[in-house]
C-alpha atoms as a PDB file:
ATOM      1  CA  MET A   1       9.754  -8.972  19.118  1.00  0.00           C
ATOM      2  CA  LYS A   2       6.966  -9.390  16.498  1.00  0.00           C
ATOM      3  CA  TYR A   3       6.071  -6.659  14.236  1.00  0.00           C
ATOM      4  CA  TYR A   4       2.792  -6.583  12.146  1.00  0.00           C
ATOM      5  CA  HIS A   5       3.012  -5.308   8.687  1.00  0.00           C
ATOM      6  CA  PHE A   6       0.137  -3.889   6.457  1.00  0.00           C
ATOM      7  CA  ILE A   7       1.151  -3.920   2.892  1.00  0.00           C
ATOM      8  CA  ILE A   8      -0.655  -2.610  -0.101  1.00  0.00           C
ATOM      9  CA  ILE A   9       0.751  -3.402  -3.580  1.00  0.00           C
ATOM     10  CA  ILE A  10       0.026  -1.676  -6.956  1.00  0.00           C
ATOM     11  CA  ASP A  11       1.825  -1.620 -10.356  1.00  0.00           C
ATOM     12  CA  VAL A  12       2.208   1.816 -12.130  1.00  0.00           C
ATOM     13  CA  ALA A  13       4.089   1.865 -15.416  1.00  0.00           C
ATOM     14  CA  ARG A  14       5.826  -1.424 -15.097  1.00  0.00           C
ATOM     15  CA  GLN A  15       6.987  -0.673 -11.541  1.00  0.00           C
ATOM     16  CA  THR A  16       5.430  -2.170  -8.216  1.00  0.00           C
ATOM     17  CA  TYR A  17       4.782   0.108  -5.316  1.00  0.00           C
ATOM     18  CA  VAL A  18       3.913  -0.640  -1.989  1.00  0.00           C
ATOM     19  CA  TYR A  19       2.341   1.308   0.849  1.00  0.00           C
ATOM     20  CA  HIS A  20       3.712  -0.237   4.188  1.00  0.00           C
ATOM     21  CA  TYR A  21       2.954   0.215   7.877  1.00  0.00           C
ATOM     22  CA  SER A  22       4.289  -1.709  10.688  1.00  0.00           C
ATOM     23  CA  SER A  23       3.954  -1.771  14.438  1.00  0.00           C
ATOM     24  CA  GLN A  24       4.230  -4.105  17.298  1.00  0.00           C
ATOM     25  CA  ASP A  25       0.638  -3.178  18.316  1.00  0.00           C
ATOM     26  CA  GLN A  26      -2.103  -4.796  16.301  1.00  0.00           C
ATOM     27  CA  ALA A  27      -4.664  -1.844  17.182  1.00  0.00           C
ATOM     28  CA  LYS A  28      -2.176   0.577  15.597  1.00  0.00           C
ATOM     29  CA  VAL A  29      -2.101  -1.490  12.406  1.00  0.00           C
ATOM     30  CA  SER A  30      -5.938  -1.623  12.409  1.00  0.00           C
ATOM     31  CA  LYS A  31      -5.929   2.344  12.636  1.00  0.00           C
ATOM     32  CA  ALA A  32      -3.330   2.526   9.980  1.00  0.00           C
ATOM     33  CA  ARG A  33      -5.524   0.340   7.690  1.00  0.00           C
ATOM     34  CA  GLU A  34      -8.495   2.602   8.400  1.00  0.00           C
ATOM     35  CA  LYS A  35      -6.461   5.851   7.700  1.00  0.00           C
ATOM     36  CA  PHE A  36      -5.271   4.108   4.431  1.00  0.00           C
ATOM     37  CA  ARG A  37      -8.773   3.282   3.332  1.00  0.00           C
ATOM     38  CA  GLN A  38      -9.904   7.103   4.164  1.00  0.00           C
ATOM     39  CA  SER A  39      -6.973   8.322   2.103  1.00  0.00           C
ATOM     40  CA  LEU A  40      -8.423   6.765  -1.026  1.00  0.00           C
ATOM     41  CA  ASP A  41     -12.054   7.815  -0.320  1.00  0.00           C
ATOM     42  CA  GLY A  42     -14.015   8.060  -3.619  1.00  0.00           C
ATOM     43  CA  LEU A  43     -11.653   5.656  -5.492  1.00  0.00           C
ATOM     44  CA  PRO A  44     -12.239   1.996  -6.307  1.00  0.00           C
ATOM     45  CA  LEU A  45     -10.454  -0.063  -3.909  1.00  0.00           C
ATOM     46  CA  ILE A  46      -8.650  -2.379  -5.943  1.00  0.00           C
ATOM     47  CA  PHE A  47      -5.231  -3.621  -4.861  1.00  0.00           C
ATOM     48  CA  GLY A  48      -3.173  -6.430  -3.575  1.00  0.00           C
ATOM     49  CA  LEU A  49      -3.193  -6.536   0.397  1.00  0.00           C
ATOM     50  CA  HIS A  50      -0.949  -8.454   2.525  1.00  0.00           C
ATOM     51  CA  MET A  51      -0.576  -8.876   6.280  1.00  0.00           C
ATOM     52  CA  LEU A  52       2.390 -10.563   7.771  1.00  0.00           C
ATOM     53  CA  THR A  53       4.895 -10.572  10.733  1.00  0.00           C
ATOM     54  CA  THR A  54       8.532 -10.276  11.021  1.00  0.00           C
ATOM     55  CA  ASP A  55      11.136  -9.640  13.729  1.00  0.00           C
ATOM     56  CA  GLU A  56      11.665  -5.951  12.620  1.00  0.00           C
ATOM     57  CA  ALA A  57       9.753  -3.061  11.668  1.00  0.00           C
ATOM     58  CA  SER A  58      11.284  -2.418   8.310  1.00  0.00           C
ATOM     59  CA  PHE A  59      10.024  -3.099   4.894  1.00  0.00           C
ATOM     60  CA  GLU A  60      13.561  -4.609   4.239  1.00  0.00           C
ATOM     61  CA  SER A  61      12.810  -7.287   6.841  1.00  0.00           C
ATOM     62  CA  VAL A  62       9.769  -8.143   4.907  1.00  0.00           C
ATOM     63  CA  GLN A  63      11.816  -8.450   1.561  1.00  0.00           C
ATOM     64  CA  ALA A  64      14.407 -10.610   3.450  1.00  0.00           C
ATOM     65  CA  MET A  65      11.701 -12.922   4.696  1.00  0.00           C
ATOM     66  CA  ASP A  66       9.857 -13.204   1.414  1.00  0.00           C
ATOM     67  CA  PRO A  67      11.745 -12.547  -1.978  1.00  0.00           C
ATOM     68  CA  TYR A  68       8.413 -11.874  -3.633  1.00  0.00           C
ATOM     69  CA  PHE A  69       8.660  -8.273  -2.375  1.00  0.00           C
ATOM     70  CA  LYS A  70      12.150  -7.653  -3.534  1.00  0.00           C
ATOM     71  CA  GLY A  71      12.367  -4.816  -6.103  1.00  0.00           C
ATOM     72  CA  MET A  72       9.021  -3.158  -4.931  1.00  0.00           C
ATOM     73  CA  ILE A  73       9.246   0.568  -4.000  1.00  0.00           C
ATOM     74  CA  GLU A  74       8.215   1.553  -0.672  1.00  0.00           C
ATOM     75  CA  VAL A  75       5.725   4.470  -0.325  1.00  0.00           C
ATOM     76  CA  ASN A  76       4.908   5.612   3.374  1.00  0.00           C
ATOM     77  CA  ASP A  77       3.336   8.875   2.735  1.00  0.00           C
ATOM     78  CA  LEU A  78      -0.443   8.412   2.096  1.00  0.00           C
ATOM     79  CA  LYS A  79      -0.745  11.738  -0.164  1.00  0.00           C
ATOM     80  CA  GLU A  80       2.253  10.384  -2.525  1.00  0.00           C
ATOM     81  CA  PHE A  81       0.745   6.795  -2.500  1.00  0.00           C
ATOM     82  CA  ARG A  82      -2.766   8.367  -3.463  1.00  0.00           C
ATOM     83  CA  LYS A  83      -1.238  10.121  -6.386  1.00  0.00           C
ATOM     84  CA  LYS A  84       0.337   6.618  -7.417  1.00  0.00           C
ATOM     85  CA  PHE A  85      -2.886   4.980  -6.998  1.00  0.00           C
ATOM     86  CA  ILE A  86      -4.727   7.216  -9.158  1.00  0.00           C
ATOM     87  CA  LEU A  87      -2.175   6.652 -11.980  1.00  0.00           C
ATOM     88  CA  TYR A  88      -2.550   2.968 -11.196  1.00  0.00           C
ATOM     89  CA  LEU A  89      -6.364   3.408 -11.712  1.00  0.00           C
ATOM     90  CA  ASP A  90      -5.800   5.359 -14.850  1.00  0.00           C
ATOM     91  CA  GLU A  91      -3.946   2.553 -16.446  1.00  0.00           C
ATOM     92  CA  PHE A  92      -6.892   0.449 -16.304  1.00  0.00           C
ATOM     93  CA  GLY A  93      -9.509   2.950 -16.988  1.00  0.00           C
ATOM     94  CA  LEU A  94     -10.933   2.679 -13.457  1.00  0.00           C
ATOM     95  CA  ASN A  95     -10.569   6.205 -11.999  1.00  0.00           C
ATOM     96  CA  LYS A  96     -14.300   7.281 -11.712  1.00  0.00           C
ATOM     97  CA  ILE A  97     -13.214  10.751 -10.183  1.00  0.00           C
ATOM     98  CA  LYS A  98     -11.346  11.684 -13.216  1.00  0.00           C
ATOM     99  CA  ALA A  99     -13.980  10.363 -15.639  1.00  0.00           C
ATOM    100  CA  LYS A 100     -16.538  12.452 -13.633  1.00  0.00           C
ATOM    101  CA  THR A 101     -14.568  15.673 -14.141  1.00  0.00           C
ATOM    102  CA  LYS A 102     -14.163  15.376 -17.912  1.00  0.00           C
END
Protein backbone atom coordinates (compact mmCIF):
# COMPACT_ATOMS: atom_id res chain seq x y z
CA MET A 1 0.00 0.00 0.00
CA LYS A 2 1.08 3.57 -0.64
CA TYR A 3 1.74 5.97 2.26
CA TYR A 4 1.86 9.71 1.70
CA HIS A 5 4.50 11.52 3.74
CA PHE A 6 4.49 15.19 4.76
CA ILE A 7 7.97 16.22 5.92
CA ILE A 8 9.26 19.57 7.19
CA ILE A 9 13.03 20.04 7.56
CA ILE A 10 14.90 22.56 9.71
CA ASP A 11 18.48 22.83 10.99
CA VAL A 12 19.12 23.81 14.61
CA ALA A 13 22.60 23.97 16.13
CA ARG A 14 24.08 21.86 13.33
CA GLN A 15 21.45 19.14 13.67
CA THR A 16 18.66 18.49 11.17
CA TYR A 17 15.15 17.92 12.52
CA VAL A 18 12.07 16.83 10.66
CA TYR A 19 8.41 16.99 11.43
CA HIS A 20 6.91 13.90 9.82
CA TYR A 21 3.35 12.79 9.24
CA SER A 22 2.19 9.92 7.05
CA SER A 23 -1.06 8.26 6.10
CA GLN A 24 -2.60 6.25 3.31
CA ASP A 25 -5.35 8.88 3.17
CA GLN A 26 -4.35 12.06 1.30
CA ALA A 27 -7.14 14.01 3.06
CA LYS A 28 -5.59 13.17 6.45
CA VAL A 29 -2.21 14.38 5.21
CA SER A 30 -3.83 17.63 4.05
CA LYS A 31 -5.41 18.06 7.49
CA ALA A 32 -2.04 17.37 9.13
CA ARG A 33 -0.45 20.06 6.91
CA GLU A 34 -3.05 22.58 8.05
CA LYS A 35 -2.64 21.59 11.70
CA PHE A 36 1.13 21.99 11.30
CA ARG A 37 0.71 25.44 9.76
CA GLN A 38 -1.59 26.47 12.62
CA SER A 39 0.98 25.25 15.16
CA LEU A 40 3.41 27.86 13.81
CA ASP A 41 0.88 30.69 13.79
CA GLY A 42 2.57 34.06 14.08
CA LEU A 43 5.98 32.76 12.98
CA PRO A 44 7.65 33.19 9.57
CA LEU A 45 7.06 30.01 7.59
CA ILE A 46 10.57 29.36 6.34
CA PHE A 47 11.52 25.68 6.05
CA GLY A 48 12.12 22.81 3.67
CA LEU A 49 8.99 20.88 2.73
CA HIS A 50 8.87 17.45 1.12
CA MET A 51 5.92 15.35 0.03
CA LEU A 52 6.60 11.80 -1.11
CA THR A 53 5.31 8.24 -0.99
CA THR A 54 6.67 4.94 0.28
CA ASP A 55 5.26 1.49 1.00
CA GLU A 56 5.42 2.01 4.79
CA ALA A 57 4.27 4.69 7.23
CA SER A 58 7.57 5.10 9.08
CA PHE A 59 10.16 7.83 8.62
CA GLU A 60 12.68 4.99 8.43
CA SER A 61 11.02 3.96 5.15
CA VAL A 62 11.68 7.47 3.84
CA GLN A 63 15.32 7.25 4.95
CA ALA A 64 15.69 3.85 3.26
CA MET A 65 14.21 5.23 0.04
CA ASP A 66 16.36 8.38 -0.04
CA PRO A 67 19.70 8.67 1.78
CA TYR A 68 19.26 12.48 1.87
CA PHE A 69 17.07 11.97 4.97
CA LYS A 70 19.57 9.81 6.87
CA GLY A 71 20.81 11.31 10.13
CA MET A 72 17.79 13.58 10.51
CA ILE A 73 15.96 13.47 13.83
CA GLU A 74 12.22 12.92 13.63
CA VAL A 75 9.97 15.04 15.86
CA ASN A 76 6.26 14.15 15.74
CA ASP A 77 5.00 16.33 18.57
CA LEU A 78 3.88 19.74 17.22
CA LYS A 79 4.66 21.58 20.48
CA GLU A 80 8.17 20.14 20.60
CA PHE A 81 8.73 20.94 16.92
CA ARG A 82 7.51 24.52 17.47
CA LYS A 83 10.18 24.94 20.18
CA LYS A 84 12.84 23.67 17.77
CA PHE A 85 11.43 25.92 15.05
CA ILE A 86 11.72 29.00 17.29
CA LEU A 87 15.38 28.11 17.95
CA TYR A 88 15.83 27.73 14.19
CA LEU A 89 14.38 31.21 13.60
CA ASP A 90 16.52 32.64 16.42
CA GLU A 91 19.68 31.40 14.70
CA PHE A 92 18.80 33.58 11.69
CA GLY A 93 17.36 36.52 13.63
CA LEU A 94 13.93 35.83 12.14
CA ASN A 95 11.88 35.32 15.29
CA LYS A 96 9.53 38.31 15.15
CA ILE A 97 7.56 37.18 18.22
CA LYS A 98 10.71 37.23 20.38
CA ALA A 99 11.77 40.59 18.90
CA LYS A 100 8.39 42.13 19.80
CA THR A 101 8.68 41.05 23.44
CA LYS A 102 12.12 42.64 23.99
